[in-house]
Protein backbone atom coordinates (compact mmCIF):
# COMPACT_ATOMS: atom_id res chain seq x y z
CA MET A 1 134.68 20.57 -46.30
CA GLU A 2 133.49 21.23 -50.00
CA SER A 3 137.43 20.99 -51.69
CA ARG A 4 136.43 24.47 -53.42
CA THR A 5 136.73 26.22 -49.83
CA LEU A 6 139.79 24.22 -49.60
CA PRO A 7 143.74 26.63 -50.55
CA PRO A 8 144.92 25.96 -54.54
CA SER A 9 147.65 23.78 -53.08
CA LEU A 10 145.71 20.92 -50.95
CA ARG A 11 143.45 20.84 -53.40
CA ARG A 12 145.51 19.33 -55.78
CA ALA A 13 146.96 17.24 -53.52
CA VAL A 14 143.33 15.76 -53.00
CA HIS A 15 142.53 16.22 -56.74
CA GLY A 16 145.77 13.93 -57.10
CA LEU A 17 145.10 11.44 -54.93
CA ALA A 18 141.25 10.72 -55.78
CA ALA A 19 142.85 9.79 -59.62
CA LEU A 20 145.52 8.10 -57.96
CA LEU A 21 143.25 6.06 -56.61
CA LEU A 22 141.08 5.47 -59.60
CA THR A 23 144.08 3.90 -61.79
CA ALA A 24 144.58 1.70 -58.66
CA GLY A 25 141.07 0.91 -59.07
CA THR A 26 140.83 0.37 -63.25
CA SER A 27 144.31 -1.68 -62.82
CA ALA A 28 142.87 -3.78 -60.42
CA HIS A 29 140.64 -5.20 -63.07
CA ALA A 30 138.95 -9.43 -63.26
CA LEU A 31 140.52 -11.56 -64.96
CA VAL A 32 137.96 -13.40 -67.08
CA ILE A 33 138.75 -17.69 -66.88
CA ALA A 34 136.42 -19.28 -69.96
CA VAL A 35 136.48 -23.15 -69.14
CA SER A 36 134.54 -24.73 -71.43
CA GLU A 37 134.70 -28.82 -70.06
CA GLY A 38 132.86 -31.04 -72.89
CA VAL A 39 130.07 -31.73 -74.74
CA SER A 40 129.15 -35.37 -74.09
CA TYR A 41 128.74 -35.50 -70.32
CA GLU A 42 126.32 -34.38 -67.89
CA VAL A 43 127.51 -31.65 -65.87
CA SER A 44 125.77 -27.93 -64.87
CA ASP A 45 127.08 -24.48 -65.83
CA SER A 46 126.77 -24.24 -61.71
CA GLN A 47 128.56 -27.33 -61.03
CA ILE A 48 131.43 -26.66 -63.13
CA ALA A 49 131.89 -23.40 -61.90
CA ALA A 50 132.53 -24.30 -58.61
CA ARG A 51 134.96 -26.49 -59.01
CA PHE A 52 137.49 -24.14 -60.87
CA GLU A 53 136.69 -21.31 -58.18
CA PRO A 54 139.53 -22.44 -55.80
CA ILE A 55 141.83 -22.33 -59.01
CA ALA A 56 140.57 -19.02 -59.23
CA GLU A 57 141.97 -17.56 -56.26
CA VAL A 58 145.66 -19.43 -56.35
CA LEU A 59 145.62 -17.52 -59.14
CA SER A 60 143.74 -14.31 -58.38
CA LYS A 61 146.72 -13.73 -55.54
CA ALA A 62 149.49 -15.10 -58.00
CA LEU A 63 148.52 -12.66 -60.15
CA LYS A 64 147.89 -9.81 -57.64
CA GLN A 65 144.39 -9.30 -58.88
CA PRO A 66 140.93 -10.40 -59.00
CA VAL A 67 139.85 -13.12 -61.09
CA THR A 68 136.71 -14.62 -62.40
CA VAL A 69 135.44 -18.26 -63.64
CA LYS A 70 132.64 -18.32 -66.87
CA VAL A 71 131.72 -21.33 -67.94
CA LEU A 72 130.80 -21.50 -71.99
CA ASN A 73 128.56 -24.57 -71.80
CA SER A 74 128.64 -24.47 -76.30
CA TYR A 75 131.94 -24.87 -78.32
CA ASN A 76 130.11 -22.43 -80.87
CA SER A 77 130.34 -19.89 -77.62
CA ALA A 78 133.74 -20.83 -76.70
CA ARG A 79 135.59 -20.65 -80.10
CA GLU A 80 133.36 -17.31 -80.82
CA ALA A 81 134.73 -16.04 -77.02
CA LEU A 82 138.44 -17.67 -78.45
CA LYS A 83 138.25 -15.36 -81.83
CA GLN A 84 136.88 -12.32 -79.76
CA GLN A 85 139.58 -12.19 -77.12
CA GLN A 86 136.86 -11.73 -74.54
CA VAL A 87 138.36 -13.86 -72.26
CA ASP A 88 142.11 -13.77 -70.34
CA LEU A 89 142.76 -17.31 -70.04
CA ALA A 90 141.00 -21.09 -71.03
CA PHE A 91 140.00 -24.23 -70.14
CA VAL A 92 139.64 -25.98 -72.88
CA HIS A 93 138.88 -29.10 -72.92
CA PRO A 94 138.09 -29.79 -76.44
CA SER A 95 141.88 -30.02 -78.34
CA HIS A 96 140.63 -29.19 -80.87
CA VAL A 97 138.33 -25.47 -80.05
CA ALA A 98 142.45 -25.09 -77.78
CA LEU A 99 143.76 -25.93 -81.32
CA GLU A 100 142.17 -23.87 -83.31
CA ALA A 101 142.96 -20.65 -80.75
CA ILE A 102 146.17 -21.09 -81.06
CA LYS A 103 146.22 -21.94 -84.58
CA GLY A 104 144.64 -18.14 -85.35
CA GLY A 105 147.08 -16.25 -83.59
CA HIS A 106 144.96 -15.01 -80.68
CA TYR A 107 146.02 -17.98 -77.72
CA GLN A 108 149.05 -19.63 -76.49
CA ALA A 109 149.66 -22.54 -74.84
CA CYS A 110 149.83 -22.00 -70.94
CA ALA A 111 149.70 -26.11 -69.07
CA TRP A 112 148.67 -28.99 -70.19
CA THR A 113 146.79 -31.69 -67.58
CA THR A 114 148.38 -34.22 -65.54
CA GLY A 115 146.93 -37.39 -66.55
CA TYR A 116 144.98 -36.13 -69.59
CA THR A 117 148.07 -35.59 -71.98
CA ASP A 118 147.40 -39.04 -73.77
CA TYR A 119 143.96 -38.77 -74.35
CA LYS A 120 142.70 -42.50 -76.78
CA VAL A 121 139.78 -43.43 -78.53
CA SER A 122 139.21 -46.81 -78.42
CA PHE A 123 136.74 -49.12 -81.08
CA LEU A 124 133.95 -51.02 -78.85
CA CYS A 125 133.10 -54.21 -80.58
CA LYS A 126 132.20 -57.40 -79.95
CA GLU A 127 134.99 -58.90 -82.44
CA ALA A 128 137.49 -60.97 -80.87
CA GLN A 129 140.66 -59.89 -82.62
CA PRO A 130 141.96 -56.02 -83.69
CA ILE A 131 140.92 -54.86 -86.67
CA SER A 132 143.88 -55.40 -89.42
CA ASN A 133 142.10 -54.42 -92.19
CA TRP A 134 140.42 -51.17 -92.22
CA LYS A 135 138.43 -51.99 -95.72
CA THR A 136 136.52 -54.84 -93.93
CA VAL A 137 135.41 -51.38 -91.90
CA ALA A 138 133.96 -49.59 -94.66
CA GLY A 139 130.22 -49.97 -94.35
CA LYS A 140 129.71 -50.68 -91.29
CA GLN A 141 127.62 -48.63 -89.06
CA LEU A 142 129.95 -47.14 -86.49
CA VAL A 143 128.36 -44.75 -83.26
CA MET A 144 130.35 -41.84 -81.92
CA PRO A 145 129.44 -39.26 -79.48
CA ASP A 146 128.54 -35.12 -80.95
CA ALA A 147 129.96 -34.31 -84.37
CA ASP A 148 131.86 -31.38 -82.40
CA SER A 149 132.93 -33.52 -79.34
CA ILE A 150 136.88 -34.38 -79.16
CA THR A 151 136.26 -38.65 -79.45
CA SER A 152 135.01 -37.48 -82.83
CA VAL A 153 137.22 -35.80 -84.20
CA ILE A 154 140.34 -37.45 -83.08
CA THR A 155 137.56 -40.54 -84.78
CA ARG A 156 137.13 -38.77 -87.73
CA ALA A 157 141.24 -38.60 -87.61
CA MET A 158 141.76 -42.63 -87.35
CA LEU A 159 139.40 -42.87 -90.10
CA ARG A 160 141.77 -40.92 -92.65
CA GLU A 161 144.69 -42.18 -91.70
CA GLN A 162 143.04 -45.38 -92.64
CA GLY A 163 141.35 -44.48 -96.12
CA LEU A 164 138.22 -44.06 -95.56
CA GLN A 165 136.53 -40.46 -95.39
CA GLY A 166 133.25 -39.49 -96.01
CA THR A 167 130.92 -41.80 -96.39
CA ALA A 168 132.58 -45.19 -96.91
CA VAL A 169 131.39 -45.62 -92.67
CA LYS A 170 127.99 -45.18 -91.83
CA ILE A 171 128.01 -42.59 -89.19
CA THR A 172 125.86 -42.24 -86.34
CA ASN A 173 125.99 -39.79 -83.49
CA THR A 174 125.10 -40.37 -79.88
CA ARG A 175 124.91 -37.38 -77.45
CA PHE A 176 126.70 -38.60 -74.38
CA GLN A 177 129.59 -41.09 -74.47
CA GLU A 178 127.75 -43.30 -71.74
CA ALA A 179 125.65 -44.39 -74.69
CA VAL A 180 127.62 -45.31 -77.08
CA PRO A 181 127.58 -49.20 -75.78
CA PHE A 182 124.24 -50.10 -76.03
CA TYR A 183 124.42 -49.41 -79.39
CA VAL A 184 127.05 -52.24 -80.06
CA GLN A 185 125.80 -54.38 -76.91
CA ASN A 186 122.07 -54.02 -79.34
CA GLY A 187 123.13 -54.99 -82.52
CA PHE A 188 122.91 -50.93 -84.17
CA ALA A 189 125.78 -50.19 -84.94
CA ALA A 190 129.44 -52.55 -85.24
CA TYR A 191 131.43 -50.31 -83.77
CA GLY A 192 131.40 -47.58 -81.35
CA ALA A 193 134.27 -44.77 -80.49
CA THR A 194 134.31 -43.79 -77.27
CA ALA A 195 137.55 -41.84 -75.03
CA ALA A 196 135.72 -42.31 -71.71
CA ALA A 197 137.60 -44.36 -69.28
CA GLY A 198 134.80 -45.71 -66.95
CA VAL A 199 132.53 -46.98 -69.84
CA ILE A 200 135.51 -48.60 -71.76
CA LYS A 201 136.53 -50.41 -68.43
CA THR A 202 131.97 -51.38 -68.30
CA TRP A 203 132.08 -52.65 -71.60
CA LYS A 204 135.34 -54.82 -71.26
CA ASP A 205 134.83 -55.51 -67.81
CA GLY A 206 131.12 -57.19 -69.11
CA GLY A 207 133.13 -59.50 -71.73
CA GLY A 208 133.16 -56.46 -74.43
CA LYS A 209 136.50 -56.18 -76.94
CA VAL A 210 138.12 -52.92 -77.29
CA CYS A 211 139.75 -54.03 -81.84
CA ALA A 212 141.60 -50.25 -82.38
CA GLU A 213 142.87 -47.28 -80.61
CA SER A 214 143.78 -44.07 -82.02
CA ARG A 215 147.54 -42.20 -80.77
CA GLY A 216 147.11 -40.31 -77.90
CA VAL A 217 146.26 -36.53 -77.42
CA PRO A 218 146.78 -33.73 -74.94
CA ILE A 219 143.32 -32.60 -73.69
CA LYS A 220 142.16 -29.98 -70.92
CA GLN A 221 144.44 -27.45 -71.90
CA TRP A 222 145.05 -24.06 -70.10
CA LEU A 223 145.16 -21.42 -72.48
CA ALA A 224 146.71 -17.31 -71.84
CA SER A 225 145.28 -15.34 -74.33
CA ARG A 226 148.12 -12.94 -75.98
CA LYS A 227 146.96 -9.50 -75.06
CA LEU A 228 148.10 -10.63 -72.04
CA ASP A 229 151.69 -9.25 -71.11
CA ALA A 230 154.22 -11.49 -70.75
CA ALA A 231 155.26 -11.38 -67.51
CA THR A 232 151.12 -12.07 -66.78
CA VAL A 233 151.48 -15.51 -68.65
CA GLY A 234 154.58 -16.48 -67.01
CA ALA A 235 153.00 -16.03 -63.38
CA ALA A 236 149.48 -17.44 -64.15
CA ARG A 237 151.07 -20.64 -66.00
CA GLU A 238 153.77 -20.77 -62.96
CA ALA A 239 150.87 -20.74 -60.47
CA LEU A 240 149.19 -23.22 -62.61
CA LEU A 241 152.77 -25.80 -62.95
CA GLY A 242 153.38 -25.07 -59.28
CA LEU A 243 149.96 -25.88 -57.32
CA ALA A 244 149.83 -29.54 -57.21
CA GLN A 245 153.45 -28.49 -54.78
CA SER A 246 151.93 -26.78 -51.68
CA ASP A 247 149.59 -27.58 -49.39
CA ALA A 248 146.61 -24.65 -50.79
CA GLY A 249 147.04 -26.22 -54.42
CA LYS A 250 146.32 -29.04 -54.06
CA ARG A 251 143.00 -27.86 -51.68
CA ALA A 252 142.43 -25.93 -55.21
CA LEU A 253 143.03 -29.43 -57.39
CA SER A 254 140.92 -31.53 -54.66
CA THR A 255 137.90 -29.93 -55.99
CA SER A 256 138.88 -29.36 -59.46
CA SER A 257 139.03 -33.42 -59.68
CA TYR A 258 142.14 -32.82 -61.30
CA THR A 259 145.67 -33.67 -60.18
CA GLY A 260 147.89 -31.22 -61.11
CA PHE A 261 149.00 -29.54 -64.59
CA VAL A 262 152.48 -29.72 -66.57
CA ALA A 263 153.78 -27.18 -69.76
CA PRO A 264 152.49 -27.98 -73.04
CA SER A 265 155.01 -28.81 -76.23
CA ASN A 266 154.58 -27.18 -78.92
CA ASP A 267 155.69 -29.50 -81.57
CA VAL A 268 153.03 -32.49 -80.70
CA GLU A 269 150.32 -29.25 -81.12
CA ALA A 270 152.33 -28.89 -84.01
CA SER A 271 151.84 -32.29 -84.91
CA LEU A 272 148.59 -32.73 -83.63
CA MET A 273 147.29 -29.69 -85.82
CA THR A 274 147.61 -31.54 -88.82
CA TRP A 275 146.38 -34.78 -88.12
CA LEU A 276 143.37 -33.55 -87.18
CA GLY A 277 142.70 -31.61 -90.16
CA ILE A 278 142.82 -28.36 -87.94
């Protein structure tokens, strides 16, 4: 039966129900999680997305709406997405990109990743003693990963605080952290900057030395868009911080390779913005 043949009162009820269903469908739009996992490791977009899908499912249940995962495989694409507030939540590996978004007022810190709140850069070398006089480093060759990686950003901060800026140190960049020891071992660089725990361990196990270490920096931060209402941000934060406390959350975390998330510190982030030059 066509709606125009219905009695006026019933016709209004049908139209009202249709409008209600349309509104409900619109309000249940999918929230988008952006994931930017770094530029100095060899991992495909599909591998990254698969690791975060279980966490997205937990968040979907907590927020009572669909949640999708969008991988941002370059820092510039992550910067642009965050600048334009194209995503609702973001898991951002490099601190400098996350802190840029926070300082710009587009996002707020939501959570930090357990085990990654004290990320430090080590200088690999063949010298037996730690660097005692940084003036001796001037003019020497230093190899580090991609110039826009958090490892390189921390390394430049280390050099600045020691009065070594600009061309005081000869810099070589290599695409992946795993390649850093090769340069030092074969004499192409006096020092190699890396924060990859596996790379550092292998270097030490082979008799290599570490002659300097940076201050700790939290990486792999969860951000929430300031477009989101406070209730949604609170629910997302609560769900993330509580993942390690439930069986379902632990299963989701096991796929991601992370063990949990902790509350962030605004004071630490403000201090790091200054030190990292953001």
